[in-house]
Amino acid sequence: ISPDMGAMERARYYADMLGCDVGVFY
C-alpha cells in the first residue's frame, strides 16, 4: 500500500520485488 499518490512509484517497486498487488490512498 502507498499512503499517498506521491509514494506510488515506491510502492510499485516493492510490489514488483514481492510479486504482489498494490493499492493507494488519496
mmCIF file of all heavy atoms, coordinates in Angstrom:
data_MODEL
# 
_entry.id   MODEL 
# 
loop_
_atom_site.group_PDB 
_atom_site.id 
_atom_site.type_symbol 
_atom_site.label_atom_id 
_atom_site.label_alt_id 
_atom_site.label_comp_id 
_atom_site.label_asym_id 
_atom_site.label_entity_id 
_atom_site.label_seq_id 
_atom_site.pdbx_PDB_ins_code 
_atom_site.Cartn_x 
_atom_site.Cartn_y 
_atom_site.Cartn_z 
_atom_site.occupancy 
_atom_site.B_iso_or_equiv 
_atom_site.pdbx_formal_charge 
_atom_site.auth_seq_id 
_atom_site.auth_comp_id 
_atom_site.auth_asym_id 
_atom_site.auth_atom_id 
_atom_site.pdbx_PDB_model_num 
ATOM 1   N N   . ILE A 1 1  ? 0.836  -1.194  0.000   1.00 0.00 ? 1  ILE A N   1 
ATOM 2   C CA  . ILE A 1 1  ? 0.000  0.000   0.000   1.00 0.00 ? 1  ILE A CA  1 
ATOM 3   C C   . ILE A 1 1  ? 0.874  1.250   0.000   1.00 0.00 ? 1  ILE A C   1 
ATOM 4   O O   . ILE A 1 1  ? 1.830  1.365   0.775   1.00 0.00 ? 1  ILE A O   1 
ATOM 5   C CB  . ILE A 1 1  ? -0.921 0.038   1.239   1.00 0.00 ? 1  ILE A CB  1 
ATOM 6   C CG1 . ILE A 1 1  ? -1.872 -1.173  1.250   1.00 0.00 ? 1  ILE A CG1 1 
ATOM 7   C CG2 . ILE A 1 1  ? -1.705 1.347   1.294   1.00 0.00 ? 1  ILE A CG2 1 
ATOM 8   C CD1 . ILE A 1 1  ? -2.914 -1.155  0.168   1.00 0.00 ? 1  ILE A CD1 1 
ATOM 9   N N   . SER A 1 2  ? 0.516  2.199   -0.864  1.00 0.00 ? 2  SER A N   1 
ATOM 10  C CA  . SER A 1 2  ? 1.123  3.525   -0.833  1.00 0.00 ? 2  SER A CA  1 
ATOM 11  C C   . SER A 1 2  ? 0.227  4.446   -0.011  1.00 0.00 ? 2  SER A C   1 
ATOM 12  O O   . SER A 1 2  ? -0.972 4.521   -0.268  1.00 0.00 ? 2  SER A O   1 
ATOM 13  C CB  . SER A 1 2  ? 1.272  4.073   -2.257  1.00 0.00 ? 2  SER A CB  1 
ATOM 14  O OG  . SER A 1 2  ? 1.674  5.425   -2.223  1.00 0.00 ? 2  SER A OG  1 
ATOM 15  N N   . PRO A 1 3  ? 0.782  5.161   0.971   1.00 0.00 ? 3  PRO A N   1 
ATOM 16  C CA  . PRO A 1 3  ? -0.059 6.023   1.811   1.00 0.00 ? 3  PRO A CA  1 
ATOM 17  C C   . PRO A 1 3  ? -0.545 7.275   1.101   1.00 0.00 ? 3  PRO A C   1 
ATOM 18  O O   . PRO A 1 3  ? -1.426 7.969   1.589   1.00 0.00 ? 3  PRO A O   1 
ATOM 19  C CB  . PRO A 1 3  ? 0.869  6.381   2.978   1.00 0.00 ? 3  PRO A CB  1 
ATOM 20  C CG  . PRO A 1 3  ? 2.242  6.278   2.400   1.00 0.00 ? 3  PRO A CG  1 
ATOM 21  C CD  . PRO A 1 3  ? 2.196  5.169   1.398   1.00 0.00 ? 3  PRO A CD  1 
ATOM 22  N N   . ASP A 1 4  ? 0.042  7.592   -0.061  1.00 0.00 ? 4  ASP A N   1 
ATOM 23  C CA  . ASP A 1 4  ? -0.416 8.732   -0.855  1.00 0.00 ? 4  ASP A CA  1 
ATOM 24  C C   . ASP A 1 4  ? 0.024  8.541   -2.300  1.00 0.00 ? 4  ASP A C   1 
ATOM 25  O O   . ASP A 1 4  ? 0.785  7.627   -2.624  1.00 0.00 ? 4  ASP A O   1 
ATOM 26  C CB  . ASP A 1 4  ? 0.103  10.062  -0.286  1.00 0.00 ? 4  ASP A CB  1 
ATOM 27  C CG  . ASP A 1 4  ? 1.624  10.078  -0.145  1.00 0.00 ? 4  ASP A CG  1 
ATOM 28  O OD1 . ASP A 1 4  ? 2.321  9.637   -1.082  1.00 0.00 ? 4  ASP A OD1 1 
ATOM 29  O OD2 . ASP A 1 4  ? 2.113  10.536  0.900   1.00 0.00 ? 4  ASP A OD2 1 
ATOM 30  N N   . MET A 1 5  ? -0.444 9.426   -3.174  1.00 0.00 ? 5  MET A N   1 
ATOM 31  C CA  . MET A 1 5  ? -0.136 9.304   -4.601  1.00 0.00 ? 5  MET A CA  1 
ATOM 32  C C   . MET A 1 5  ? 1.356  9.503   -4.865  1.00 0.00 ? 5  MET A C   1 
ATOM 33  O O   . MET A 1 5  ? 1.921  8.906   -5.778  1.00 0.00 ? 5  MET A O   1 
ATOM 34  C CB  . MET A 1 5  ? -0.956 10.323  -5.410  1.00 0.00 ? 5  MET A CB  1 
ATOM 35  C CG  . MET A 1 5  ? -2.461 10.173  -5.255  1.00 0.00 ? 5  MET A CG  1 
ATOM 36  S SD  . MET A 1 5  ? -3.107 8.542   -5.706  1.00 0.00 ? 5  MET A SD  1 
ATOM 37  C CE  . MET A 1 5  ? -2.879 8.576   -7.475  1.00 0.00 ? 5  MET A CE  1 
ATOM 38  N N   . GLY A 1 6  ? 2.005  10.355  -4.066  1.00 0.00 ? 6  GLY A N   1 
ATOM 39  C CA  . GLY A 1 6  ? 3.419  10.655  -4.271  1.00 0.00 ? 6  GLY A CA  1 
ATOM 40  C C   . GLY A 1 6  ? 4.329  9.464   -4.043  1.00 0.00 ? 6  GLY A C   1 
ATOM 41  O O   . GLY A 1 6  ? 5.433  9.408   -4.592  1.00 0.00 ? 6  GLY A O   1 
ATOM 42  N N   . ALA A 1 7  ? 3.899  8.509   -3.219  1.00 0.00 ? 7  ALA A N   1 
ATOM 43  C CA  . ALA A 1 7  ? 4.727  7.341   -2.902  1.00 0.00 ? 7  ALA A CA  1 
ATOM 44  C C   . ALA A 1 7  ? 4.374  6.131   -3.759  1.00 0.00 ? 7  ALA A C   1 
ATOM 45  O O   . ALA A 1 7  ? 4.867  5.032   -3.512  1.00 0.00 ? 7  ALA A O   1 
ATOM 46  C CB  . ALA A 1 7  ? 4.579  6.994   -1.417  1.00 0.00 ? 7  ALA A CB  1 
ATOM 47  N N   . MET A 1 8  ? 3.540  6.337   -4.774  1.00 0.00 ? 8  MET A N   1 
ATOM 48  C CA  . MET A 1 8  ? 3.040  5.211   -5.564  1.00 0.00 ? 8  MET A CA  1 
ATOM 49  C C   . MET A 1 8  ? 4.158  4.481   -6.308  1.00 0.00 ? 8  MET A C   1 
ATOM 50  O O   . MET A 1 8  ? 4.165  3.244   -6.385  1.00 0.00 ? 8  MET A O   1 
ATOM 51  C CB  . MET A 1 8  ? 1.985  5.710   -6.549  1.00 0.00 ? 8  MET A CB  1 
ATOM 52  C CG  . MET A 1 8  ? 1.248  4.603   -7.273  1.00 0.00 ? 8  MET A CG  1 
ATOM 53  S SD  . MET A 1 8  ? 0.392  3.486   -6.128  1.00 0.00 ? 8  MET A SD  1 
ATOM 54  C CE  . MET A 1 8  ? -0.247 2.264   -7.242  1.00 0.00 ? 8  MET A CE  1 
ATOM 55  N N   . GLU A 1 9  ? 5.094  5.223   -6.863  1.00 0.00 ? 9  GLU A N   1 
ATOM 56  C CA  . GLU A 1 9  ? 6.177  4.588   -7.609  1.00 0.00 ? 9  GLU A CA  1 
ATOM 57  C C   . GLU A 1 9  ? 6.999  3.686   -6.700  1.00 0.00 ? 9  GLU A C   1 
ATOM 58  O O   . GLU A 1 9  ? 7.415  2.590   -7.076  1.00 0.00 ? 9  GLU A O   1 
ATOM 59  C CB  . GLU A 1 9  ? 7.069  5.662   -8.244  1.00 0.00 ? 9  GLU A CB  1 
ATOM 60  C CG  . GLU A 1 9  ? 8.048  5.134   -9.274  1.00 0.00 ? 9  GLU A CG  1 
ATOM 61  C CD  . GLU A 1 9  ? 7.375  4.500   -10.493 1.00 0.00 ? 9  GLU A CD  1 
ATOM 62  O OE1 . GLU A 1 9  ? 6.292  4.974   -10.886 1.00 0.00 ? 9  GLU A OE1 1 
ATOM 63  O OE2 . GLU A 1 9  ? 7.929  3.521   -11.025 1.00 0.00 ? 9  GLU A OE2 1 
ATOM 64  N N   . ARG A 1 10 ? 7.213  4.138   -5.472  1.00 0.00 ? 10 ARG A N   1 
ATOM 65  C CA  . ARG A 1 10 ? 7.961  3.345   -4.489  1.00 0.00 ? 10 ARG A CA  1 
ATOM 66  C C   . ARG A 1 10 ? 7.187  2.069   -4.136  1.00 0.00 ? 10 ARG A C   1 
ATOM 67  O O   . ARG A 1 10 ? 7.756  0.983   -4.046  1.00 0.00 ? 10 ARG A O   1 
ATOM 68  C CB  . ARG A 1 10 ? 8.214  4.184   -3.242  1.00 0.00 ? 10 ARG A CB  1 
ATOM 69  C CG  . ARG A 1 10 ? 9.034  3.510   -2.153  1.00 0.00 ? 10 ARG A CG  1 
ATOM 70  C CD  . ARG A 1 10 ? 9.276  4.462   -1.004  1.00 0.00 ? 10 ARG A CD  1 
ATOM 71  N NE  . ARG A 1 10 ? 10.067 5.609   -1.423  1.00 0.00 ? 10 ARG A NE  1 
ATOM 72  C CZ  . ARG A 1 10 ? 9.559  6.815   -1.704  1.00 0.00 ? 10 ARG A CZ  1 
ATOM 73  N NH1 . ARG A 1 10 ? 8.250  7.030   -1.600  1.00 0.00 ? 10 ARG A NH1 1 
ATOM 74  N NH2 . ARG A 1 10 ? 10.338 7.804   -2.074  1.00 0.00 ? 10 ARG A NH2 1 
ATOM 75  N N   . ALA A 1 11 ? 5.874  2.210   -3.944  1.00 0.00 ? 11 ALA A N   1 
ATOM 76  C CA  . ALA A 1 11 ? 5.038  1.055   -3.611  1.00 0.00 ? 11 ALA A CA  1 
ATOM 77  C C   . ALA A 1 11 ? 5.043  0.038   -4.744  1.00 0.00 ? 11 ALA A C   1 
ATOM 78  O O   . ALA A 1 11 ? 5.097  -1.178  -4.510  1.00 0.00 ? 11 ALA A O   1 
ATOM 79  C CB  . ALA A 1 11 ? 3.611  1.514   -3.309  1.00 0.00 ? 11 ALA A CB  1 
ATOM 80  N N   . ARG A 1 12 ? 5.000  0.522   -5.972  1.00 0.00 ? 12 ARG A N   1 
ATOM 81  C CA  . ARG A 1 12 ? 5.035  -0.384  -7.128  1.00 0.00 ? 12 ARG A CA  1 
ATOM 82  C C   . ARG A 1 12 ? 6.358  -1.140  -7.191  1.00 0.00 ? 12 ARG A C   1 
ATOM 83  O O   . ARG A 1 12 ? 6.391  -2.309  -7.591  1.00 0.00 ? 12 ARG A O   1 
ATOM 84  C CB  . ARG A 1 12 ? 4.821  0.423   -8.419  1.00 0.00 ? 12 ARG A CB  1 
ATOM 85  C CG  . ARG A 1 12 ? 3.401  0.933   -8.598  1.00 0.00 ? 12 ARG A CG  1 
ATOM 86  C CD  . ARG A 1 12 ? 3.235  1.670   -9.896  1.00 0.00 ? 12 ARG A CD  1 
ATOM 87  N NE  . ARG A 1 12 ? 3.471  0.788   -11.039 1.00 0.00 ? 12 ARG A NE  1 
ATOM 88  C CZ  . ARG A 1 12 ? 3.452  1.199   -12.302 1.00 0.00 ? 12 ARG A CZ  1 
ATOM 89  N NH1 . ARG A 1 12 ? 3.201  2.459   -12.590 1.00 0.00 ? 12 ARG A NH1 1 
ATOM 90  N NH2 . ARG A 1 12 ? 3.667  0.344   -13.288 1.00 0.00 ? 12 ARG A NH2 1 
ATOM 91  N N   . TYR A 1 13 ? 7.431  -0.469  -6.795  1.00 0.00 ? 13 TYR A N   1 
ATOM 92  C CA  . TYR A 1 13 ? 8.748  -1.110  -6.776  1.00 0.00 ? 13 TYR A CA  1 
ATOM 93  C C   . TYR A 1 13 ? 8.763  -2.258  -5.762  1.00 0.00 ? 13 TYR A C   1 
ATOM 94  O O   . TYR A 1 13 ? 9.244  -3.359  -6.044  1.00 0.00 ? 13 TYR A O   1 
ATOM 95  C CB  . TYR A 1 13 ? 9.813  -0.071  -6.454  1.00 0.00 ? 13 TYR A CB  1 
ATOM 96  C CG  . TYR A 1 13 ? 11.232 -0.577  -6.494  1.00 0.00 ? 13 TYR A CG  1 
ATOM 97  C CD1 . TYR A 1 13 ? 11.779 -1.089  -7.670  1.00 0.00 ? 13 TYR A CD1 1 
ATOM 98  C CD2 . TYR A 1 13 ? 12.034 -0.525  -5.358  1.00 0.00 ? 13 TYR A CD2 1 
ATOM 99  C CE1 . TYR A 1 13 ? 13.082 -1.546  -7.709  1.00 0.00 ? 13 TYR A CE1 1 
ATOM 100 C CE2 . TYR A 1 13 ? 13.335 -0.977  -5.391  1.00 0.00 ? 13 TYR A CE2 1 
ATOM 101 C CZ  . TYR A 1 13 ? 13.864 -1.480  -6.569  1.00 0.00 ? 13 TYR A CZ  1 
ATOM 102 O OH  . TYR A 1 13 ? 15.148 -1.929  -6.606  1.00 0.00 ? 13 TYR A OH  1 
ATOM 103 N N   . TYR A 1 14 ? 8.215  -2.003  -4.566  1.00 0.00 ? 14 TYR A N   1 
ATOM 104 C CA  . TYR A 1 14 ? 8.116  -3.044  -3.546  1.00 0.00 ? 14 TYR A CA  1 
ATOM 105 C C   . TYR A 1 14 ? 7.239  -4.191  -4.038  1.00 0.00 ? 14 TYR A C   1 
ATOM 106 O O   . TYR A 1 14 ? 7.569  -5.369  -3.853  1.00 0.00 ? 14 TYR A O   1 
ATOM 107 C CB  . TYR A 1 14 ? 7.529  -2.473  -2.252  1.00 0.00 ? 14 TYR A CB  1 
ATOM 108 C CG  . TYR A 1 14 ? 8.546  -1.907  -1.290  1.00 0.00 ? 14 TYR A CG  1 
ATOM 109 C CD1 . TYR A 1 14 ? 9.041  -0.619  -1.442  1.00 0.00 ? 14 TYR A CD1 1 
ATOM 110 C CD2 . TYR A 1 14 ? 9.018  -2.654  -0.225  1.00 0.00 ? 14 TYR A CD2 1 
ATOM 111 C CE1 . TYR A 1 14 ? 9.960  -0.082  -0.557  1.00 0.00 ? 14 TYR A CE1 1 
ATOM 112 C CE2 . TYR A 1 14 ? 9.943  -2.138  0.675   1.00 0.00 ? 14 TYR A CE2 1 
ATOM 113 C CZ  . TYR A 1 14 ? 10.414 -0.851  0.499   1.00 0.00 ? 14 TYR A CZ  1 
ATOM 114 O OH  . TYR A 1 14 ? 11.336 -0.350  1.369   1.00 0.00 ? 14 TYR A OH  1 
ATOM 115 N N   . ALA A 1 15 ? 6.101  -3.854  -4.652  1.00 0.00 ? 15 ALA A N   1 
ATOM 116 C CA  . ALA A 1 15 ? 5.181  -4.874  -5.138  1.00 0.00 ? 15 ALA A CA  1 
ATOM 117 C C   . ALA A 1 15 ? 5.825  -5.731  -6.226  1.00 0.00 ? 15 ALA A C   1 
ATOM 118 O O   . ALA A 1 15 ? 5.625  -6.952  -6.278  1.00 0.00 ? 15 ALA A O   1 
ATOM 119 C CB  . ALA A 1 15 ? 3.911  -4.214  -5.670  1.00 0.00 ? 15 ALA A CB  1 
ATOM 120 N N   . ASP A 1 16 ? 6.629  -5.088  -7.073  1.00 0.00 ? 16 ASP A N   1 
ATOM 121 C CA  . ASP A 1 16 ? 7.327  -5.826  -8.116  1.00 0.00 ? 16 ASP A CA  1 
ATOM 122 C C   . ASP A 1 16 ? 8.333  -6.798  -7.513  1.00 0.00 ? 16 ASP A C   1 
ATOM 123 O O   . ASP A 1 16 ? 8.470  -7.940  -7.963  1.00 0.00 ? 16 ASP A O   1 
ATOM 124 C CB  . ASP A 1 16 ? 8.033  -4.847  -9.059  1.00 0.00 ? 16 ASP A CB  1 
ATOM 125 C CG  . ASP A 1 16 ? 8.818  -5.554  -10.149 1.00 0.00 ? 16 ASP A CG  1 
ATOM 126 O OD1 . ASP A 1 16 ? 8.208  -6.321  -10.920 1.00 0.00 ? 16 ASP A OD1 1 
ATOM 127 O OD2 . ASP A 1 16 ? 10.044 -5.353  -10.233 1.00 0.00 ? 16 ASP A OD2 1 
ATOM 128 N N   . MET A 1 17 ? 9.032  -6.351  -6.467  1.00 0.00 ? 17 MET A N   1 
ATOM 129 C CA  . MET A 1 17 ? 10.008 -7.215  -5.789  1.00 0.00 ? 17 MET A CA  1 
ATOM 130 C C   . MET A 1 17 ? 9.313  -8.423  -5.169  1.00 0.00 ? 17 MET A C   1 
ATOM 131 O O   . MET A 1 17 ? 9.841  -9.539  -5.180  1.00 0.00 ? 17 MET A O   1 
ATOM 132 C CB  . MET A 1 17 ? 10.735 -6.436  -4.687  1.00 0.00 ? 17 MET A CB  1 
ATOM 133 C CG  . MET A 1 17 ? 11.592 -5.295  -5.187  1.00 0.00 ? 17 MET A CG  1 
ATOM 134 S SD  . MET A 1 17 ? 13.234 -5.832  -5.693  1.00 0.00 ? 17 MET A SD  1 
ATOM 135 C CE  . MET A 1 17 ? 14.059 -5.895  -4.120  1.00 0.00 ? 17 MET A CE  1 
ATOM 136 N N   . LEU A 1 18 ? 8.108  -8.208  -4.629  1.00 0.00 ? 18 LEU A N   1 
ATOM 137 C CA  . LEU A 1 18 ? 7.387  -9.268  -3.925  1.00 0.00 ? 18 LEU A CA  1 
ATOM 138 C C   . LEU A 1 18 ? 6.434  -10.046 -4.834  1.00 0.00 ? 18 LEU A C   1 
ATOM 139 O O   . LEU A 1 18 ? 5.916  -11.091 -4.434  1.00 0.00 ? 18 LEU A O   1 
ATOM 140 C CB  . LEU A 1 18 ? 6.591  -8.665  -2.770  1.00 0.00 ? 18 LEU A CB  1 
ATOM 141 C CG  . LEU A 1 18 ? 7.414  -8.093  -1.610  1.00 0.00 ? 18 LEU A CG  1 
ATOM 142 C CD1 . LEU A 1 18 ? 6.537  -7.231  -0.711  1.00 0.00 ? 18 LEU A CD1 1 
ATOM 143 C CD2 . LEU A 1 18 ? 8.083  -9.197  -0.819  1.00 0.00 ? 18 LEU A CD2 1 
ATOM 144 N N   . GLY A 1 19 ? 6.180  -9.518  -6.030  1.00 0.00 ? 19 GLY A N   1 
ATOM 145 C CA  . GLY A 1 19 ? 5.261  -10.183 -6.943  1.00 0.00 ? 19 GLY A CA  1 
ATOM 146 C C   . GLY A 1 19 ? 3.833  -10.171 -6.447  1.00 0.00 ? 19 GLY A C   1 
ATOM 147 O O   . GLY A 1 19 ? 3.138  -11.198 -6.473  1.00 0.00 ? 19 GLY A O   1 
ATOM 148 N N   . CYS A 1 20 ? 3.378  -9.006  -5.956  1.00 0.00 ? 20 CYS A N   1 
ATOM 149 C CA  . CYS A 1 20 ? 2.015  -8.924  -5.416  1.00 0.00 ? 20 CYS A CA  1 
ATOM 150 C C   . CYS A 1 20 ? 1.313  -7.671  -5.926  1.00 0.00 ? 20 CYS A C   1 
ATOM 151 O O   . CYS A 1 20 ? 1.896  -6.856  -6.641  1.00 0.00 ? 20 CYS A O   1 
ATOM 152 C CB  . CYS A 1 20 ? 2.043  -8.951  -3.890  1.00 0.00 ? 20 CYS A CB  1 
ATOM 153 S SG  . CYS A 1 20 ? 2.821  -7.503  -3.142  1.00 0.00 ? 20 CYS A SG  1 
ATOM 154 N N   . ASP A 1 21 ? 0.044  -7.507  -5.527  1.00 0.00 ? 21 ASP A N   1 
ATOM 155 C CA  . ASP A 1 21 ? -0.779 -6.383  -5.962  1.00 0.00 ? 21 ASP A CA  1 
ATOM 156 C C   . ASP A 1 21 ? -0.426 -5.134  -5.144  1.00 0.00 ? 21 ASP A C   1 
ATOM 157 O O   . ASP A 1 21 ? 0.261  -5.207  -4.121  1.00 0.00 ? 21 ASP A O   1 
ATOM 158 C CB  . ASP A 1 21 ? -2.258 -6.729  -5.801  1.00 0.00 ? 21 ASP A CB  1 
ATOM 159 C CG  . ASP A 1 21 ? -3.142 -5.938  -6.757  1.00 0.00 ? 21 ASP A CG  1 
ATOM 160 O OD1 . ASP A 1 21 ? -2.653 -4.959  -7.354  1.00 0.00 ? 21 ASP A OD1 1 
ATOM 161 O OD2 . ASP A 1 21 ? -4.328 -6.301  -6.898  1.00 0.00 ? 21 ASP A OD2 1 
ATOM 162 N N   . VAL A 1 22 ? -0.932 -3.980  -5.599  1.00 0.00 ? 22 VAL A N   1 
ATOM 163 C CA  . VAL A 1 22 ? -0.634 -2.712  -4.935  1.00 0.00 ? 22 VAL A CA  1 
ATOM 164 C C   . VAL A 1 22 ? -1.908 -1.873  -4.835  1.00 0.00 ? 22 VAL A C   1 
ATOM 165 O O   . VAL A 1 22 ? -2.771 -1.944  -5.705  1.00 0.00 ? 22 VAL A O   1 
ATOM 166 C CB  . VAL A 1 22 ? 0.480  -1.946  -5.698  1.00 0.00 ? 22 VAL A CB  1 
ATOM 167 C CG1 . VAL A 1 22 ? 0.011  -1.549  -7.090  1.00 0.00 ? 22 VAL A CG1 1 
ATOM 168 C CG2 . VAL A 1 22 ? 0.950  -0.717  -4.931  1.00 0.00 ? 22 VAL A CG2 1 
ATOM 169 N N   . GLY A 1 23 ? -2.014 -1.108  -3.742  1.00 0.00 ? 23 GLY A N   1 
ATOM 170 C CA  . GLY A 1 23 ? -3.127 -0.184  -3.549  1.00 0.00 ? 23 GLY A CA  1 
ATOM 171 C C   . GLY A 1 23 ? -2.602 1.170   -3.126  1.00 0.00 ? 23 GLY A C   1 
ATOM 172 O O   . GLY A 1 23 ? -1.416 1.318   -2.798  1.00 0.00 ? 23 GLY A O   1 
ATOM 173 N N   . VAL A 1 24 ? -3.478 2.179   -3.110  1.00 0.00 ? 24 VAL A N   1 
ATOM 174 C CA  . VAL A 1 24 ? -3.032 3.532   -2.778  1.00 0.00 ? 24 VAL A CA  1 
ATOM 175 C C   . VAL A 1 24 ? -4.131 4.300   -2.058  1.00 0.00 ? 24 VAL A C   1 
ATOM 176 O O   . VAL A 1 24 ? -5.323 4.074   -2.285  1.00 0.00 ? 24 VAL A O   1 
ATOM 177 C CB  . VAL A 1 24 ? -2.606 4.289   -4.063  1.00 0.00 ? 24 VAL A CB  1 
ATOM 178 C CG1 . VAL A 1 24 ? -3.788 4.450   -5.022  1.00 0.00 ? 24 VAL A CG1 1 
ATOM 179 C CG2 . VAL A 1 24 ? -1.986 5.644   -3.737  1.00 0.00 ? 24 VAL A CG2 1 
ATOM 180 N N   . PHE A 1 25 ? -3.718 5.197   -1.170  1.00 0.00 ? 25 PHE A N   1 
ATOM 181 C CA  . PHE A 1 25 ? -4.635 6.124   -0.509  1.00 0.00 ? 25 PHE A CA  1 
ATOM 182 C C   . PHE A 1 25 ? -4.459 7.510   -1.123  1.00 0.00 ? 25 PHE A C   1 
ATOM 183 O O   . PHE A 1 25 ? -3.339 7.945   -1.391  1.00 0.00 ? 25 PHE A O   1 
ATOM 184 C CB  . PHE A 1 25 ? -4.357 6.198   0.996   1.00 0.00 ? 25 PHE A CB  1 
ATOM 185 C CG  . PHE A 1 25 ? -4.974 5.084   1.775   1.00 0.00 ? 25 PHE A CG  1 
ATOM 186 C CD1 . PHE A 1 25 ? -4.291 3.886   1.956   1.00 0.00 ? 25 PHE A CD1 1 
ATOM 187 C CD2 . PHE A 1 25 ? -6.227 5.218   2.333   1.00 0.00 ? 25 PHE A CD2 1 
ATOM 188 C CE1 . PHE A 1 25 ? -4.855 2.846   2.676   1.00 0.00 ? 25 PHE A CE1 1 
ATOM 189 C CE2 . PHE A 1 25 ? -6.806 4.181   3.062   1.00 0.00 ? 25 PHE A CE2 1 
ATOM 190 C CZ  . PHE A 1 25 ? -6.120 2.994   3.237   1.00 0.00 ? 25 PHE A CZ  1 
ATOM 191 N N   . TYR A 1 26 ? -5.571 8.168   -1.354  1.00 0.00 ? 26 TYR A N   1 
ATOM 192 C CA  . TYR A 1 26 ? -5.544 9.549   -1.816  1.00 0.00 ? 26 TYR A CA  1 
ATOM 193 C C   . TYR A 1 26 ? -5.813 10.444  -0.612  1.00 0.00 ? 26 TYR A C   1 
ATOM 194 O O   . TYR A 1 26 ? -6.825 10.293  0.073   1.00 0.00 ? 26 TYR A O   1 
ATOM 195 C CB  . TYR A 1 26 ? -6.590 9.790   -2.901  1.00 0.00 ? 26 TYR A CB  1 
ATOM 196 C CG  . TYR A 1 26 ? -6.779 11.248  -3.257  1.00 0.00 ? 26 TYR A CG  1 
ATOM 197 C CD1 . TYR A 1 26 ? -5.774 11.952  -3.930  1.00 0.00 ? 26 TYR A CD1 1 
ATOM 198 C CD2 . TYR A 1 26 ? -7.943 11.928  -2.900  1.00 0.00 ? 26 TYR A CD2 1 
ATOM 199 C CE1 . TYR A 1 26 ? -5.930 13.283  -4.241  1.00 0.00 ? 26 TYR A CE1 1 
ATOM 200 C CE2 . TYR A 1 26 ? -8.112 13.272  -3.218  1.00 0.00 ? 26 TYR A CE2 1 
ATOM 201 C CZ  . TYR A 1 26 ? -7.095 13.942  -3.885  1.00 0.00 ? 26 TYR A CZ  1 
ATOM 202 O OH  . TYR A 1 26 ? -7.250 15.273  -4.183  1.00 0.00 ? 26 TYR A OH  1 
# 
